[in-house]
């Protein structure tokens, strides 16, 4: 009996996403949108999904 992936699927194999890292990423993304020229109040009210969608179209926002 080997010790393949089946027996080695603990989080130590692939780390869990931490809430701290998620908040840090969102903060950085919000700062990028504000730097691109969006209104900071508008960015503050955005959901995470809206943040990501706007970052994909950052060239359109800054123009």
PDB file of N, CA and C in Angstrom:
ATOM      1  N   UNK A   1       0.845  -1.180   0.000  1.00  0.00           N
ATOM      2  CA  UNK A   1       0.000   0.000   0.000  1.00  0.00           C
ATOM      3  C   UNK A   1       0.886   1.238   0.000  1.00  0.00           C
ATOM      4  N   UNK A   2       0.750   2.054  -1.039  1.00  0.00           N
ATOM      5  CA  UNK A   2       1.580   3.246  -1.146  1.00  0.00           C
ATOM      6  C   UNK A   2       0.996   4.436  -0.405  1.00  0.00           C
ATOM      7  N   UNK A   3       1.758   5.488  -0.366  1.00  0.00           N
ATOM      8  CA  UNK A   3       1.275   6.718   0.257  1.00  0.00           C
ATOM      9  C   UNK A   3       1.188   7.785  -0.825  1.00  0.00           C
ATOM     10  N   UNK A   4       0.185   7.669  -1.654  1.00  0.00           N
ATOM     11  CA  UNK A   4      -0.009   8.611  -2.740  1.00  0.00           C
ATOM     12  C   UNK A   4      -0.807   9.825  -2.294  1.00  0.00           C
ATOM     13  N   UNK A   5      -1.377  10.516  -3.242  1.00  0.00           N
ATOM     14  CA  UNK A   5      -2.134  11.725  -2.970  1.00  0.00           C
ATOM     15  C   UNK A   5      -3.380  11.452  -2.118  1.00  0.00           C
ATOM     16  N   UNK A   6      -3.958  10.284  -2.284  1.00  0.00           N
ATOM     17  CA  UNK A   6      -5.174   9.950  -1.555  1.00  0.00           C
ATOM     18  C   UNK A   6      -4.991  10.084  -0.050  1.00  0.00           C
ATOM     19  N   UNK A   7      -3.844   9.666   0.436  1.00  0.00           N
ATOM     20  CA  UNK A   7      -3.602   9.704   1.876  1.00  0.00           C
ATOM     21  C   UNK A   7      -2.879  10.975   2.318  1.00  0.00           C
ATOM     22  N   UNK A   8      -2.627  11.878   1.392  1.00  0.00           N
ATOM     23  CA  UNK A   8      -1.820  13.055   1.728  1.00  0.00           C
ATOM     24  C   UNK A   8      -2.529  14.346   1.287  1.00  0.00           C
ATOM     25  N   UNK A   9      -3.818  14.459   1.570  1.00  0.00           N
ATOM     26  CA  UNK A   9      -4.588  15.616   1.125  1.00  0.00           C
ATOM     27  C   UNK A   9      -4.829  16.628   2.244  1.00  0.00           C
ATOM     28  N   UNK A  10      -4.027  16.617   3.240  1.00  0.00           N
ATOM     29  CA  UNK A  10      -4.196  17.558   4.351  1.00  0.00           C
ATOM     30  C   UNK A  10      -3.850  18.980   3.896  1.00  0.00           C
ATOM     31  N   UNK A  11      -4.305  19.981   4.625  1.00  0.00           N
ATOM     32  CA  UNK A  11      -3.988  21.363   4.256  1.00  0.00           C
ATOM     33  C   UNK A  11      -2.495  21.667   4.178  1.00  0.00           C
ATOM     34  N   UNK A  12      -1.671  20.868   4.841  1.00  0.00           N
ATOM     35  CA  UNK A  12      -0.224  21.106   4.764  1.00  0.00           C
ATOM     36  C   UNK A  12       0.300  20.833   3.357  1.00  0.00           C
ATOM     37  N   UNK A  13      -0.436  19.986   2.594  1.00  0.00           N
ATOM     38  CA  UNK A  13      -0.056  19.718   1.219  1.00  0.00           C
ATOM     39  C   UNK A  13      -0.341  20.934   0.346  1.00  0.00           C
ATOM     40  N   UNK A  14      -1.539  21.478   0.493  1.00  0.00           N
ATOM     41  CA  UNK A  14      -1.921  22.681  -0.226  1.00  0.00           C
ATOM     42  C   UNK A  14      -2.527  23.632   0.797  1.00  0.00           C
ATOM     43  N   UNK A  15      -1.843  24.723   1.114  1.00  0.00           N
ATOM     44  CA  UNK A  15      -2.281  25.590   2.207  1.00  0.00           C
ATOM     45  C   UNK A  15      -3.678  26.170   1.987  1.00  0.00           C
ATOM     46  N   UNK A  16      -4.394  26.359   3.094  1.00  0.00           N
ATOM     47  CA  UNK A  16      -5.712  26.984   3.044  1.00  0.00           C
ATOM     48  C   UNK A  16      -5.561  28.468   2.736  1.00  0.00           C
ATOM     49  N   UNK A  17      -6.597  29.058   2.148  1.00  0.00           N
ATOM     50  CA  UNK A  17      -6.599  30.504   1.936  1.00  0.00           C
ATOM     51  C   UNK A  17      -6.949  31.153   3.275  1.00  0.00           C
ATOM     52  N   UNK A  18      -6.148  32.110   3.696  1.00  0.00           N
ATOM     53  CA  UNK A  18      -6.403  32.728   4.992  1.00  0.00           C
ATOM     54  C   UNK A  18      -7.206  34.014   4.828  1.00  0.00           C
ATOM     55  N   UNK A  19      -8.069  34.321   5.789  1.00  0.00           N
ATOM     56  CA  UNK A  19      -8.844  35.570   5.744  1.00  0.00           C
ATOM     57  C   UNK A  19      -7.948  36.805   5.730  1.00  0.00           C
ATOM     58  N   UNK A  20      -6.812  36.723   6.393  1.00  0.00           N
ATOM     59  CA  UNK A  20      -5.881  37.852   6.428  1.00  0.00           C
ATOM     60  C   UNK A  20      -5.345  38.161   5.029  1.00  0.00           C
ATOM     61  N   UNK A  21      -4.950  37.124   4.310  1.00  0.00           N
ATOM     62  CA  UNK A  21      -4.451  37.310   2.946  1.00  0.00           C
ATOM     63  C   UNK A  21      -5.539  37.849   2.032  1.00  0.00           C
ATOM     64  N   UNK A  22      -6.779  37.389   2.223  1.00  0.00           N
ATOM     65  CA  UNK A  22      -7.890  37.860   1.404  1.00  0.00           C
ATOM     66  C   UNK A  22      -8.114  39.353   1.620  1.00  0.00           C
ATOM     67  N   UNK A  23      -8.103  39.782   2.878  1.00  0.00           N
ATOM     68  CA  UNK A  23      -8.284  41.210   3.178  1.00  0.00           C
ATOM     69  C   UNK A  23      -7.138  42.036   2.616  1.00  0.00           C
ATOM     70  N   UNK A  24      -5.920  41.510   2.683  1.00  0.00           N
ATOM     71  CA  UNK A  24      -4.770  42.235   2.150  1.00  0.00           C
ATOM     72  C   UNK A  24      -4.894  42.397   0.634  1.00  0.00           C
ATOM     73  N   UNK A  25      -5.294  41.315  -0.043  1.00  0.00           N
ATOM     74  CA  UNK A  25      -5.472  41.373  -1.502  1.00  0.00           C
ATOM     75  C   UNK A  25      -6.538  42.385  -1.885  1.00  0.00           C
ATOM     76  N   UNK A  26      -7.660  42.391  -1.160  1.00  0.00           N
ATOM     77  CA  UNK A  26      -8.734  43.336  -1.465  1.00  0.00           C
ATOM     78  C   UNK A  26      -8.280  44.772  -1.252  1.00  0.00           C
ATOM     79  N   UNK A  27      -7.503  45.005  -0.205  1.00  0.00           N
ATOM     80  CA  UNK A  27      -6.998  46.356   0.070  1.00  0.00           C
ATOM     81  C   UNK A  27      -6.092  46.843  -1.060  1.00  0.00           C
ATOM     82  N   UNK A  28      -5.223  45.959  -1.539  1.00  0.00           N
ATOM     83  CA  UNK A  28      -4.318  46.305  -2.631  1.00  0.00           C
ATOM     84  C   UNK A  28      -5.105  46.575  -3.910  1.00  0.00           C
ATOM     85  N   UNK A  29      -6.128  45.747  -4.164  1.00  0.00           N
ATOM     86  CA  UNK A  29      -6.938  45.926  -5.365  1.00  0.00           C
ATOM     87  C   UNK A  29      -7.704  47.241  -5.329  1.00  0.00           C
ATOM     88  N   UNK A  30      -8.234  47.595  -4.151  1.00  0.00           N
ATOM     89  CA  UNK A  30      -8.950  48.873  -4.015  1.00  0.00           C
ATOM     90  C   UNK A  30      -7.999  50.038  -4.278  1.00  0.00           C
ATOM     91  N   UNK A  31      -6.788  49.949  -3.746  1.00  0.00           N
ATOM     92  CA  UNK A  31      -5.799  51.016  -3.954  1.00  0.00           C
ATOM     93  C   UNK A  31      -5.448  51.150  -5.434  1.00  0.00           C
ATOM     94  N   UNK A  32      -5.372  50.029  -6.148  1.00  0.00           N
ATOM     95  CA  UNK A  32      -5.066  50.079  -7.589  1.00  0.00           C
ATOM     96  C   UNK A  32      -6.166  50.794  -8.366  1.00  0.00           C
ATOM     97  N   UNK A  33      -7.422  50.552  -7.998  1.00  0.00           N
ATOM     98  CA  UNK A  33      -8.525  51.215  -8.692  1.00  0.00           C
ATOM     99  C   UNK A  33      -8.540  52.718  -8.413  1.00  0.00           C
ATOM    100  N   UNK A  34      -8.259  53.101  -7.168  1.00  0.00           N
ATOM    101  CA  UNK A  34      -8.209  54.526  -6.824  1.00  0.00           C
ATOM    102  C   UNK A  34      -7.059  55.191  -7.565  1.00  0.00           C
ATOM    103  N   UNK A  35      -5.921  54.510  -7.653  1.00  0.00           N
ATOM    104  CA  UNK A  35      -4.770  55.059  -8.372  1.00  0.00           C
ATOM    105  C   UNK A  35      -5.062  55.193  -9.865  1.00  0.00           C
ATOM    106  N   UNK A  36      -5.961  54.341 -10.377  1.00  0.00           N
ATOM    107  CA  UNK A  36      -6.311  54.403 -11.800  1.00  0.00           C
ATOM    108  C   UNK A  36      -7.275  55.540 -12.105  1.00  0.00           C
ATOM    109  N   UNK A  37      -7.806  56.174 -11.041  1.00  0.00           N
ATOM    110  CA  UNK A  37      -8.655  57.336 -11.267  1.00  0.00           C
ATOM    111  C   UNK A  37     -10.100  57.180 -10.844  1.00  0.00           C
ATOM    112  N   UNK A  38     -10.461  56.064 -10.239  1.00  0.00           N
ATOM    113  CA  UNK A  38     -11.841  55.910  -9.771  1.00  0.00           C
ATOM    114  C   UNK A  38     -12.043  56.664  -8.471  1.00  0.00           C
ATOM    115  N   UNK A  39     -13.275  57.040  -8.206  1.00  0.00           N
ATOM    116  CA  UNK A  39     -13.617  57.741  -6.967  1.00  0.00           C
ATOM    117  C   UNK A  39     -13.458  56.787  -5.786  1.00  0.00           C
ATOM    118  N   UNK A  40     -12.784  57.236  -4.731  1.00  0.00           N
ATOM    119  CA  UNK A  40     -12.496  56.351  -3.596  1.00  0.00           C
ATOM    120  C   UNK A  40     -13.777  55.927  -2.879  1.00  0.00           C
ATOM    121  N   UNK A  41     -14.778  56.796  -2.822  1.00  0.00           N
ATOM    122  CA  UNK A  41     -16.040  56.441  -2.173  1.00  0.00           C
ATOM    123  C   UNK A  41     -16.759  55.354  -2.970  1.00  0.00           C
ATOM    124  N   UNK A  42     -16.705  55.447  -4.271  1.00  0.00           N
ATOM    125  CA  UNK A  42     -17.314  54.439  -5.147  1.00  0.00           C
ATOM    126  C   UNK A  42     -16.598  53.095  -4.983  1.00  0.00           C
ATOM    127  N   UNK A  43     -15.288  53.135  -4.907  1.00  0.00           N
ATOM    128  CA  UNK A  43     -14.495  51.903  -4.746  1.00  0.00           C
ATOM    129  C   UNK A  43     -14.771  51.273  -3.391  1.00  0.00           C
ATOM    130  N   UNK A  44     -14.942  52.086  -2.365  1.00  0.00           N
ATOM    131  CA  UNK A  44     -15.176  51.577  -1.017  1.00  0.00           C
ATOM    132  C   UNK A  44     -16.477  50.787  -0.925  1.00  0.00           C
ATOM    133  N   UNK A  45     -17.487  51.182  -1.707  1.00  0.00           N
ATOM    134  CA  UNK A  45     -18.794  50.529  -1.657  1.00  0.00           C
ATOM    135  C   UNK A  45     -18.886  49.286  -2.542  1.00  0.00           C
ATOM    136  N   UNK A  46     -17.864  49.025  -3.344  1.00  0.00           N
ATOM    137  CA  UNK A  46     -17.894  47.890  -4.273  1.00  0.00           C
ATOM    138  C   UNK A  46     -17.803  46.560  -3.552  1.00  0.00           C
ATOM    139  N   UNK A  47     -18.427  45.555  -4.168  1.00  0.00           N
ATOM    140  CA  UNK A  47     -18.272  44.193  -3.674  1.00  0.00           C
ATOM    141  C   UNK A  47     -16.954  43.636  -4.224  1.00  0.00           C
ATOM    142  N   UNK A  48     -16.533  42.507  -3.711  1.00  0.00           N
ATOM    143  CA  UNK A  48     -15.298  41.880  -4.162  1.00  0.00           C
ATOM    144  C   UNK A  48     -15.386  41.505  -5.637  1.00  0.00           C
ATOM    145  N   UNK A  49     -16.558  41.023  -6.049  1.00  0.00           N
ATOM    146  CA  UNK A  49     -16.751  40.637  -7.453  1.00  0.00           C
ATOM    147  C   UNK A  49     -16.611  41.862  -8.361  1.00  0.00           C
ATOM    148  N   UNK A  50     -17.201  42.989  -7.950  1.00  0.00           N
ATOM    149  CA  UNK A  50     -17.099  44.214  -8.739  1.00  0.00           C
ATOM    150  C   UNK A  50     -15.652  44.700  -8.826  1.00  0.00           C
ATOM    151  N   UNK A  51     -14.922  44.556  -7.722  1.00  0.00           N
ATOM    152  CA  UNK A  51     -13.505  44.950  -7.715  1.00  0.00           C
ATOM    153  C   UNK A  51     -12.737  44.202  -8.789  1.00  0.00           C
ATOM    154  N   UNK A  52     -12.899  42.876  -8.805  1.00  0.00           N
ATOM    155  CA  UNK A  52     -12.167  42.055  -9.766  1.00  0.00           C
ATOM    156  C   UNK A  52     -12.565  42.380 -11.201  1.00  0.00           C
ATOM    157  N   UNK A  53     -13.864  42.581 -11.433  1.00  0.00           N
ATOM    158  CA  UNK A  53     -14.323  42.901 -12.786  1.00  0.00           C
ATOM    159  C   UNK A  53     -13.756  44.235 -13.260  1.00  0.00           C
ATOM    160  N   UNK A  54     -13.708  45.217 -12.374  1.00  0.00           N
ATOM    161  CA  UNK A  54     -13.166  46.521 -12.749  1.00  0.00           C
ATOM    162  C   UNK A  54     -11.662  46.474 -12.957  1.00  0.00           C
ATOM    163  N   UNK A  55     -10.958  45.638 -12.209  1.00  0.00           N
ATOM    164  CA  UNK A  55      -9.516  45.508 -12.394  1.00  0.00           C
ATOM    165  C   UNK A  55      -9.185  44.886 -13.745  1.00  0.00           C
ATOM    166  N   UNK A  56     -10.077  44.030 -14.238  1.00  0.00           N
ATOM    167  CA  UNK A  56      -9.853  43.435 -15.560  1.00  0.00           C
ATOM    168  C   UNK A  56      -9.969  44.495 -16.653  1.00  0.00           C
ATOM    169  N   UNK A  57     -10.745  45.532 -16.375  1.00  0.00           N
ATOM    170  CA  UNK A  57     -10.975  46.596 -17.352  1.00  0.00           C
ATOM    171  C   UNK A  57     -10.348  47.907 -16.910  1.00  0.00           C
ATOM    172  N   UNK A  58      -9.202  47.833 -16.268  1.00  0.00           N
ATOM    173  CA  UNK A  58      -8.558  49.020 -15.696  1.00  0.00           C
ATOM    174  C   UNK A  58      -8.127  50.018 -16.764  1.00  0.00           C
ATOM    175  N   UNK A  59      -7.789  49.544 -17.961  1.00  0.00           N
ATOM    176  CA  UNK A  59      -7.393  50.449 -19.043  1.00  0.00           C
ATOM    177  C   UNK A  59      -8.579  51.310 -19.460  1.00  0.00           C
ATOM    178  N   UNK A  60      -9.776  50.738 -19.442  1.00  0.00           N
ATOM    179  CA  UNK A  60     -10.973  51.481 -19.825  1.00  0.00           C
ATOM    180  C   UNK A  60     -11.320  52.530 -18.766  1.00  0.00           C
ATOM    181  N   UNK A  61     -11.045  52.235 -17.499  1.00  0.00           N
ATOM    182  CA  UNK A  61     -11.355  53.155 -16.403  1.00  0.00           C
ATOM    183  C   UNK A  61     -10.409  54.356 -16.435  1.00  0.00           C
ATOM    184  N   UNK A  62      -9.132  54.092 -16.620  1.00  0.00           N
ATOM    185  CA  UNK A  62      -8.128  55.158 -16.550  1.00  0.00           C
ATOM    186  C   UNK A  62      -8.162  56.065 -17.777  1.00  0.00           C
ATOM    187  N   UNK A  63      -8.771  55.618 -18.863  1.00  0.00           N
ATOM    188  CA  UNK A  63      -8.831  56.427 -20.085  1.00  0.00           C
ATOM    189  C   UNK A  63      -9.885  57.530 -19.994  1.00  0.00           C
TER     190      UNK A  63
END
